[in-house]
Amino acid sequence: MSILSTRQMLLNAQRDGYAVPAFNIHNLETLQVVVDTAVEMKSPVIIAGTPSTIEYAGAEYINAMAEVAAHKYDIPIAIHLDHFEDVEAIKSNIDIGFKSCMIDASKLEFEKNIAKVKEVVDYAHKFDATVEAELGKLGGQEDDLIVDEKDTMYTNPNDAAEFVKRTGIDSLAVAIGTAHGLYKGEPKLDFERLKEIRSKVEVPLVLHGASDVPDELVMKAISLGICKVNVATDLKIPFSGALKEYFSQHPEANDPRKYMTPGKEAMKKIVEHKIQICGSANRY
């Protein structure tokens, strides 16, 4: 296969009642863990990178690594620009080979959000790339993107229907009570709101901030129409924790092939678990 857009994989998930996991990666090792685990479990997978990750690792490098994986294996693999706010940066990365993007104009008022998203949609669709956008605001921190809890805003179902129609987006990220990063209290998701959004919107729905949300809540959200689940913080913590433990036990260590391995193994367990929770195993 080659790198795919997320269009068909999300439509398949919507039709069959599961979700495709989108895992935020940062380098070769984390990409390997995600892809190799997805292959073992026969799951479609989305490899996501925030603006700071793309800057750190290099868009060309990520695209090349994903191309190798896509040609090596027969599962659907997409690379996704996550929480990009710069339209020109999105266009540049689509030119490089990215087939999926999220334009995050959720901080803008409704009409300006629509205008900015529509610009990205018009460009992306020329290259058969898919566009995800967000209506409402999730609290918490996603790399350099910070939204204070007081500025959190839930998605309005009626606005969602108009937003999708006027922008032509391929998927919609909804704000129903999740947050980026770790929660300060008990997550409380507004499932009635999700049901209403699902009844008014035809495109696949996306759940951001799924790290640290209890499994049963994520699974219920999927049963009510969520087709893509983003996972980031839940991957970084075990990876970094395993590296710290390795160095504490082996302070003389200097070989990345050895000290990276425990991190990859710890991360793999989380990837396996998230794929099971999403119900995407054995779909290919």
Protein backbone atom coordinates (compact mmCIF):
# COMPACT_ATOMS: atom_id res chain seq x y z
CA MET A 1 0.00 0.00 0.00
CA SER A 2 0.90 3.68 -0.05
CA ILE A 3 0.09 6.36 2.51
CA LEU A 4 -3.68 6.86 2.57
CA SER A 5 -5.98 9.64 3.57
CA THR A 6 -8.26 8.94 6.53
CA ARG A 7 -11.42 9.17 4.39
CA GLN A 8 -12.23 5.52 3.76
CA MET A 9 -10.84 4.17 7.03
CA LEU A 10 -13.08 6.51 9.04
CA LEU A 11 -16.12 5.80 6.87
CA ASN A 12 -15.52 2.07 7.40
CA ALA A 13 -15.28 2.65 11.16
CA GLN A 14 -18.48 4.70 11.12
CA ARG A 15 -20.31 2.00 9.20
CA ASP A 16 -19.11 -0.87 11.40
CA GLY A 17 -19.21 0.78 14.83
CA TYR A 18 -15.56 1.03 15.86
CA ALA A 19 -12.95 3.79 15.97
CA VAL A 20 -9.57 4.19 14.31
CA PRO A 21 -6.87 5.15 16.84
CA ALA A 22 -4.68 8.16 16.06
CA PHE A 23 -1.39 7.91 17.94
CA ASN A 24 0.86 10.94 18.35
CA ILE A 25 4.46 10.01 17.56
CA HIS A 26 7.71 11.96 17.89
CA ASN A 27 10.53 9.99 16.25
CA LEU A 28 11.48 6.74 14.53
CA GLU A 29 11.10 4.62 17.67
CA THR A 30 7.60 5.79 18.52
CA LEU A 31 6.47 5.45 14.90
CA GLN A 32 7.85 1.90 14.81
CA VAL A 33 5.95 0.95 17.94
CA VAL A 34 2.66 2.26 16.58
CA VAL A 35 2.97 0.69 13.14
CA ASP A 36 4.42 -2.67 14.25
CA THR A 37 1.72 -3.10 16.90
CA ALA A 38 -1.04 -2.15 14.47
CA VAL A 39 0.31 -4.71 12.00
CA GLU A 40 0.35 -7.44 14.63
CA MET A 41 -3.25 -6.63 15.57
CA LYS A 42 -4.41 -6.05 11.97
CA SER A 43 -5.70 -2.58 12.76
CA PRO A 44 -5.87 0.49 10.54
CA VAL A 45 -3.84 3.24 12.14
CA ILE A 46 -3.33 7.00 12.00
CA ILE A 47 0.13 8.37 12.78
CA ALA A 48 -0.32 11.89 14.12
CA GLY A 49 2.12 14.72 14.64
CA THR A 50 1.55 18.13 16.21
CA PRO A 51 3.25 21.22 14.76
CA SER A 52 6.08 20.96 17.29
CA THR A 53 6.59 17.28 16.48
CA ILE A 54 6.73 17.96 12.75
CA GLU A 55 9.25 20.73 13.41
CA TYR A 56 11.31 18.49 15.72
CA ALA A 57 11.41 15.36 13.55
CA GLY A 58 11.06 16.96 10.13
CA ALA A 59 8.05 16.55 7.84
CA GLU A 60 10.12 14.86 5.12
CA TYR A 61 11.52 12.33 7.58
CA ILE A 62 8.09 11.45 8.98
CA ASN A 63 6.65 11.16 5.48
CA ALA A 64 9.52 8.93 4.37
CA MET A 65 9.25 6.66 7.42
CA ALA A 66 5.50 6.34 6.92
CA GLU A 67 6.01 5.56 3.22
CA VAL A 68 8.36 2.71 4.15
CA ALA A 69 5.80 1.32 6.60
CA ALA A 70 2.92 1.68 4.15
CA HIS A 71 4.79 -0.18 1.39
CA LYS A 72 6.07 -2.84 3.78
CA TYR A 73 2.71 -3.74 5.32
CA ASP A 74 -0.83 -4.26 4.05
CA ILE A 75 -2.80 -2.38 6.71
CA PRO A 76 -4.18 1.12 6.05
CA ILE A 77 -1.73 3.76 7.33
CA ALA A 78 -2.33 7.52 7.33
CA ILE A 79 -0.10 10.35 8.54
CA HIS A 80 -2.03 13.20 10.08
CA LEU A 81 -1.22 16.83 10.90
CA ASP A 82 -2.70 17.28 14.36
CA HIS A 83 -3.88 20.64 15.75
CA PHE A 84 -2.31 22.81 13.07
CA GLU A 85 -3.35 26.47 13.15
CA ASP A 86 -1.14 27.74 10.33
CA VAL A 87 -2.85 27.29 6.96
CA GLU A 88 0.36 27.72 4.97
CA ALA A 89 2.11 25.07 7.07
CA ILE A 90 -0.72 22.64 6.31
CA LYS A 91 -0.46 23.34 2.59
CA SER A 92 3.31 22.84 2.68
CA ASN A 93 3.00 19.48 4.43
CA ILE A 94 0.27 18.30 2.05
CA ASP A 95 2.68 19.11 -0.78
CA ILE A 96 5.26 16.89 0.92
CA GLY A 97 2.86 13.92 1.08
CA PHE A 98 0.62 14.19 4.14
CA LYS A 99 -2.89 13.01 3.25
CA SER A 100 -4.73 14.03 6.41
CA CYS A 101 -4.81 17.22 8.45
CA MET A 102 -6.60 18.94 11.28
CA ILE A 103 -7.01 22.68 10.99
CA ASP A 104 -7.71 24.00 14.46
CA ALA A 105 -9.44 27.36 14.20
CA SER A 106 -11.61 26.66 17.25
CA LYS A 107 -10.28 29.74 19.05
CA LEU A 108 -11.87 31.94 16.39
CA GLU A 109 -15.50 33.03 16.34
CA PHE A 110 -17.86 30.91 14.23
CA GLU A 111 -17.70 32.71 10.87
CA LYS A 112 -13.92 33.14 10.96
CA ASN A 113 -13.53 29.48 11.93
CA ILE A 114 -15.60 28.49 8.89
CA ALA A 115 -13.61 30.74 6.55
CA LYS A 116 -10.23 29.43 7.69
CA VAL A 117 -11.33 25.79 7.58
CA LYS A 118 -12.88 26.22 4.12
CA GLU A 119 -9.57 27.53 2.78
CA VAL A 120 -7.83 24.37 3.95
CA VAL A 121 -10.58 22.11 2.61
CA ASP A 122 -10.42 23.72 -0.84
CA TYR A 123 -6.66 23.11 -0.99
CA ALA A 124 -6.54 19.65 0.60
CA HIS A 125 -9.26 18.13 -1.54
CA LYS A 126 -7.27 18.94 -4.68
CA PHE A 127 -4.73 16.37 -3.44
CA ASP A 128 -7.26 13.84 -2.11
CA ALA A 129 -6.25 14.80 1.42
CA THR A 130 -8.84 14.80 4.19
CA VAL A 131 -9.58 17.62 6.61
CA GLU A 132 -10.65 17.46 10.23
CA ALA A 133 -11.76 20.57 12.10
CA GLU A 134 -12.91 21.33 15.63
CA LEU A 135 -15.99 23.15 16.84
CA GLY A 136 -15.92 24.00 20.53
CA LYS A 137 -12.77 24.18 22.64
CA LEU A 138 -11.08 21.44 24.65
CA GLY A 139 -9.29 22.51 27.78
CA GLY A 140 -5.79 21.44 28.73
CA GLN A 141 -2.50 21.37 26.83
CA GLU A 142 -1.59 19.69 23.53
CA ASP A 143 2.14 20.40 23.12
CA ASP A 144 2.30 24.19 22.66
CA LEU A 145 -1.49 24.63 22.38
CA ILE A 146 -2.95 25.64 25.74
CA VAL A 147 -6.63 26.32 26.47
CA ASP A 148 -7.50 27.44 29.98
CA GLU A 149 -10.31 25.52 31.68
CA LYS A 150 -12.43 28.68 31.88
CA ASP A 151 -12.25 29.02 28.08
CA THR A 152 -13.49 25.47 27.41
CA MET A 153 -16.60 25.42 25.21
CA TYR A 154 -18.82 22.46 24.33
CA THR A 155 -19.87 21.79 20.73
CA ASN A 156 -23.33 23.10 19.85
CA PRO A 157 -25.17 20.41 17.80
CA ASN A 158 -27.01 22.88 15.56
CA ASP A 159 -23.84 24.86 14.91
CA ALA A 160 -22.07 21.58 14.13
CA ALA A 161 -24.52 20.76 11.36
CA GLU A 162 -24.10 24.18 9.77
CA PHE A 163 -20.32 24.07 10.22
CA VAL A 164 -19.96 20.73 8.43
CA LYS A 165 -22.24 21.78 5.58
CA ARG A 166 -20.51 25.09 4.93
CA THR A 167 -16.90 23.90 5.28
CA GLY A 168 -17.09 20.54 3.52
CA ILE A 169 -14.84 18.90 6.13
CA ASP A 170 -14.35 15.14 6.19
CA SER A 171 -14.51 14.70 9.98
CA LEU A 172 -15.46 16.79 12.99
CA ALA A 173 -13.70 16.91 16.37
CA VAL A 174 -16.29 17.50 19.07
CA ALA A 175 -15.94 19.00 22.54
CA ILE A 176 -18.06 16.91 24.91
CA GLY A 177 -16.02 17.08 28.10
CA THR A 178 -12.62 15.59 27.29
CA ALA A 179 -9.40 17.57 27.76
CA HIS A 180 -5.85 17.41 26.50
CA GLY A 181 -3.22 16.02 28.86
CA LEU A 182 -4.06 14.64 32.28
CA TYR A 183 -7.29 15.45 34.10
CA LYS A 184 -7.44 17.40 37.31
CA GLY A 185 -10.64 15.59 38.31
CA GLU A 186 -13.00 12.89 37.10
CA PRO A 187 -13.76 13.10 33.36
CA LYS A 188 -17.47 13.67 32.69
CA LEU A 189 -18.55 13.28 29.09
CA ASP A 190 -21.79 14.74 27.76
CA PHE A 191 -23.18 11.73 25.93
CA GLU A 192 -26.57 13.32 25.30
CA ARG A 193 -24.79 16.12 23.45
CA LEU A 194 -22.83 13.53 21.45
CA LYS A 195 -26.06 11.73 20.51
CA GLU A 196 -27.58 14.96 19.27
CA ILE A 197 -24.49 15.89 17.27
CA ARG A 198 -24.47 12.43 15.70
CA SER A 199 -28.12 12.80 14.70
CA LYS A 200 -27.41 16.09 12.92
CA VAL A 201 -23.99 15.44 11.37
CA GLU A 202 -23.18 12.81 8.75
CA VAL A 203 -19.37 12.97 8.72
CA PRO A 204 -17.25 10.84 11.10
CA LEU A 205 -16.82 12.29 14.59
CA VAL A 206 -13.51 12.56 16.43
CA LEU A 207 -12.70 12.40 20.15
CA HIS A 208 -9.66 14.45 21.20
CA GLY A 209 -8.18 14.30 24.67
CA ALA A 210 -8.86 10.58 25.09
CA SER A 211 -5.75 9.98 27.19
CA ASP A 212 -6.58 9.49 30.86
CA VAL A 213 -10.29 8.92 30.08
CA PRO A 214 -11.62 5.65 31.59
CA ASP A 215 -11.97 2.87 29.03
CA GLU A 216 -15.69 2.45 29.56
CA LEU A 217 -16.33 6.11 28.73
CA VAL A 218 -14.28 5.92 25.53
CA MET A 219 -16.08 2.74 24.50
CA LYS A 220 -19.47 4.33 25.14
CA ALA A 221 -18.48 7.35 23.05
CA ILE A 222 -17.51 5.00 20.22
CA SER A 223 -20.86 3.23 20.50
CA LEU A 224 -22.55 6.62 20.08
CA GLY A 225 -20.70 7.54 16.91
CA ILE A 226 -17.06 8.45 17.60
CA CYS A 227 -14.96 7.06 14.72
CA LYS A 228 -11.47 8.36 15.57
CA VAL A 229 -9.81 8.49 18.98
CA ASN A 230 -6.69 10.58 19.60
CA VAL A 231 -4.05 9.29 22.02
CA ALA A 232 -0.94 11.25 23.00
CA THR A 233 -0.18 11.71 26.71
CA ASP A 234 -0.92 8.05 27.51
CA LEU A 235 1.99 7.11 25.22
CA LYS A 236 4.58 9.61 26.41
CA ILE A 237 4.32 8.80 30.10
CA PRO A 238 5.16 5.05 29.93
CA PHE A 239 7.85 5.60 27.28
CA SER A 240 9.67 8.24 29.30
CA GLY A 241 9.08 6.35 32.54
CA ALA A 242 10.74 3.21 31.19
CA LEU A 243 13.75 5.22 30.00
CA LYS A 244 14.14 6.87 33.40
CA GLU A 245 13.98 3.51 35.13
CA TYR A 246 16.55 2.03 32.74
CA PHE A 247 19.00 4.85 33.37
CA SER A 248 18.49 4.62 37.13
CA GLN A 249 19.48 0.95 36.94
CA HIS A 250 22.16 1.46 34.29
CA PRO A 251 23.67 4.92 34.87
CA GLU A 252 26.59 4.05 32.60
CA ALA A 253 24.31 3.34 29.60
CA ASN A 254 25.05 5.18 26.36
CA ASP A 255 23.68 2.97 23.59
CA PRO A 256 20.29 4.19 22.24
CA ARG A 257 19.54 0.71 20.91
CA LYS A 258 19.51 -0.54 24.49
CA TYR A 259 17.95 2.31 26.45
CA MET A 260 15.23 2.99 23.86
CA THR A 261 14.04 -0.61 23.89
CA PRO A 262 12.35 -0.52 27.34
CA GLY A 263 10.53 2.65 26.31
CA LYS A 264 9.27 1.00 23.13
CA GLU A 265 8.12 -2.06 25.06
CA ALA A 266 6.23 0.06 27.60
CA MET A 267 4.60 2.11 24.86
CA LYS A 268 3.63 -1.02 22.93
CA LYS A 269 1.43 -2.20 25.79
CA ILE A 270 -0.54 1.05 25.68
CA VAL A 271 -0.91 0.91 21.89
CA GLU A 272 -2.22 -2.65 22.14
CA HIS A 273 -4.71 -1.64 24.80
CA LYS A 274 -5.97 1.41 22.90
CA ILE A 275 -6.49 -0.64 19.74
CA GLN A 276 -8.57 -3.10 21.74
CA ILE A 277 -10.63 -0.30 23.29
CA CYS A 278 -11.23 1.24 19.86
CA GLY A 279 -12.39 -2.11 18.51
CA SER A 280 -10.15 -1.74 15.45
CA ALA A 281 -8.25 -5.00 15.82
CA ASN A 282 -8.69 -7.59 13.05
CA ARG A 283 -10.37 -5.11 10.71
CA TYR A 284 -7.79 -5.83 7.98
